[in-house]
Protein backbone atom coordinates (compact mmCIF):
# COMPACT_ATOMS: atom_id res chain seq x y z
CA UNK A 1 17.76 12.88 -26.14
CA UNK A 2 21.12 11.85 -24.37
CA UNK A 3 21.79 10.31 -21.28
CA UNK A 4 25.25 9.53 -19.86
CA UNK A 5 25.97 7.89 -16.76
CA UNK A 6 29.13 7.58 -15.26
CA UNK A 7 30.56 4.82 -13.21
CA UNK A 8 33.64 3.27 -11.44
CA UNK A 9 34.75 6.40 -9.33
CA UNK A 10 36.76 5.68 -6.12
CA UNK A 11 39.31 6.40 -3.82
CA UNK A 12 42.95 4.99 -4.87
CA UNK A 13 46.24 5.20 -3.44
CA UNK A 14 48.86 7.36 -5.66
CA UNK A 15 50.21 4.69 -8.44
CA UNK A 16 47.46 2.78 -9.22
CA UNK A 17 44.87 2.16 -11.10
CA UNK A 18 41.44 2.86 -11.91
CA UNK A 19 38.42 2.32 -14.44
CA UNK A 20 35.75 4.77 -15.71
CA UNK A 21 33.18 3.63 -17.47
CA UNK A 22 30.07 6.05 -19.17
CA UNK A 23 26.82 4.32 -20.28
CA UNK A 24 24.90 6.43 -22.88
CA UNK A 25 21.39 6.10 -23.39
CA UNK A 26 20.40 8.16 -26.69
CA UNK A 27 16.89 8.11 -28.05
CA UNK A 28 17.35 8.25 -32.25
CA UNK A 29 20.44 7.99 -33.13
CA UNK A 30 22.84 5.36 -32.79
CA UNK A 31 26.27 5.41 -30.33
CA UNK A 32 28.07 5.10 -32.56
CA UNK A 33 27.34 8.43 -34.14
CA UNK A 34 28.98 9.94 -31.61
CA UNK A 35 31.81 11.33 -30.48
CA UNK A 36 32.70 10.57 -26.97
CA UNK A 37 34.79 12.49 -24.21
CA UNK A 38 36.04 12.52 -20.14
CA UNK A 39 37.12 15.69 -18.84
CA UNK A 40 37.62 16.46 -15.56
CA UNK A 41 37.49 19.69 -12.57
CA UNK A 42 39.47 19.62 -9.98
CA UNK A 43 39.07 21.33 -6.50
CA UNK A 44 38.96 25.54 -7.30
CA UNK A 45 39.37 24.41 -10.95
CA UNK A 46 38.44 24.83 -13.94
CA UNK A 47 36.97 21.72 -16.31
CA UNK A 48 39.40 20.72 -18.38
CA UNK A 49 39.46 17.95 -21.54
CA UNK A 50 41.21 14.60 -21.20
CA UNK A 51 40.52 12.56 -23.87
CA UNK A 52 38.08 12.14 -26.62
CA UNK A 53 37.25 9.17 -28.69
CA UNK A 54 35.69 10.46 -32.67
CA UNK A 55 33.14 8.63 -34.27
CA UNK A 56 36.09 8.10 -36.58
CA UNK A 57 38.09 5.82 -34.56
CA UNK A 58 40.42 8.79 -33.67
CA UNK A 59 41.50 9.69 -29.97
CA UNK A 60 42.44 12.29 -28.12
CA UNK A 61 44.61 12.93 -25.21
CA UNK A 62 45.66 16.43 -22.99
CA UNK A 63 49.45 16.15 -22.34
CA UNK A 64 49.22 15.23 -18.77
CA UNK A 65 47.29 12.18 -19.25
CA UNK A 66 49.34 10.95 -22.24
CA UNK A 67 50.74 7.50 -21.20
CA UNK A 68 49.14 7.28 -18.52
CA UNK A 69 45.05 7.07 -19.58
CA UNK A 70 43.38 5.07 -21.82
CA UNK A 71 40.26 6.29 -23.62
CA UNK A 72 38.00 3.02 -25.49
CA UNK A 73 34.68 2.47 -26.02
CA UNK A 74 32.58 -0.96 -27.06
CA UNK A 75 29.44 0.81 -29.53
CA UNK A 76 27.48 -2.37 -28.97
CA UNK A 77 27.44 -1.89 -25.03
CA UNK A 78 27.12 2.01 -25.79
CA UNK A 79 29.89 2.65 -23.42
CA UNK A 80 32.06 4.60 -23.45
CA UNK A 81 35.59 3.97 -21.02
CA UNK A 82 38.56 5.95 -19.27
CA UNK A 83 41.28 3.29 -18.12
CA UNK A 84 43.50 5.39 -15.66
CA UNK A 85 46.69 4.60 -14.48
CA UNK A 86 49.79 5.45 -12.40
CA UNK A 87 47.81 7.97 -11.14
CA UNK A 88 48.89 11.06 -9.15
CA UNK A 89 47.63 12.98 -6.61
CA UNK A 90 46.76 15.96 -9.41
CA UNK A 91 44.16 13.40 -10.91
CA UNK A 92 41.88 14.36 -8.29
CA UNK A 93 38.92 15.40 -9.86
CA UNK A 94 35.12 15.01 -10.49
CA UNK A 95 35.41 13.33 -14.58
CA UNK A 96 32.26 13.51 -16.33
CA UNK A 97 31.92 11.95 -19.70
CA UNK A 98 30.93 14.26 -22.60
CA UNK A 99 29.13 13.48 -25.79
CA UNK A 100 29.05 15.11 -29.00
CA UNK A 101 26.24 15.08 -32.22
CA UNK A 102 28.94 15.31 -34.72
CA UNK A 103 32.69 14.78 -35.50
CA UNK A 104 35.99 15.42 -33.29
CA UNK A 105 35.87 19.47 -32.57
CA UNK A 106 38.35 20.26 -30.09
CA UNK A 107 39.11 20.17 -26.71
CA UNK A 108 37.17 22.97 -25.26
CA UNK A 109 33.85 21.79 -23.45
CA UNK A 110 31.39 24.04 -25.34
CA UNK A 111 32.15 21.49 -28.46
CA UNK A 112 30.00 18.94 -26.94
CA UNK A 113 26.73 18.97 -26.69
CA UNK A 114 25.76 16.13 -23.46
CA UNK A 115 26.89 15.51 -20.25
CA UNK A 116 26.87 13.13 -17.17
CA UNK A 117 26.99 14.17 -13.61
CA UNK A 118 30.10 13.27 -12.72
CA UNK A 119 32.05 10.40 -10.86
CA UNK A 120 34.64 11.50 -7.82
CA UNK A 121 37.94 10.12 -8.67
CA UNK A 122 39.99 10.80 -5.24
CA UNK A 123 44.26 9.65 -5.39
CA UNK A 124 45.88 9.60 -1.96
CA UNK A 125 49.32 10.43 -1.70
């Protein structure tokens, strides 16, 4: 079983920065063997891919966040981060952490086996 707990959300002004964290508790497997990702779901919108960090060390980003967001992970701390900069009103959403037991399989939510409860990010214009 895998438990994911997000933190770091909050209210920020447009143009500001925020860092999200996701701690992972996994029984039976080492954190480094998971592909980790961030998704988000804005008001009235479907859940969408934001970024992923594969177990091989590759990173992937949605076009809408490239150059503004950075995903990283600390395998010693079983934690994945999402550093968000130059935030826009359109980035307002609940941000979810997700984990996949295998290699990176794409940006669709069905590729991920485990999900956190989400953390709210609100960007004021």
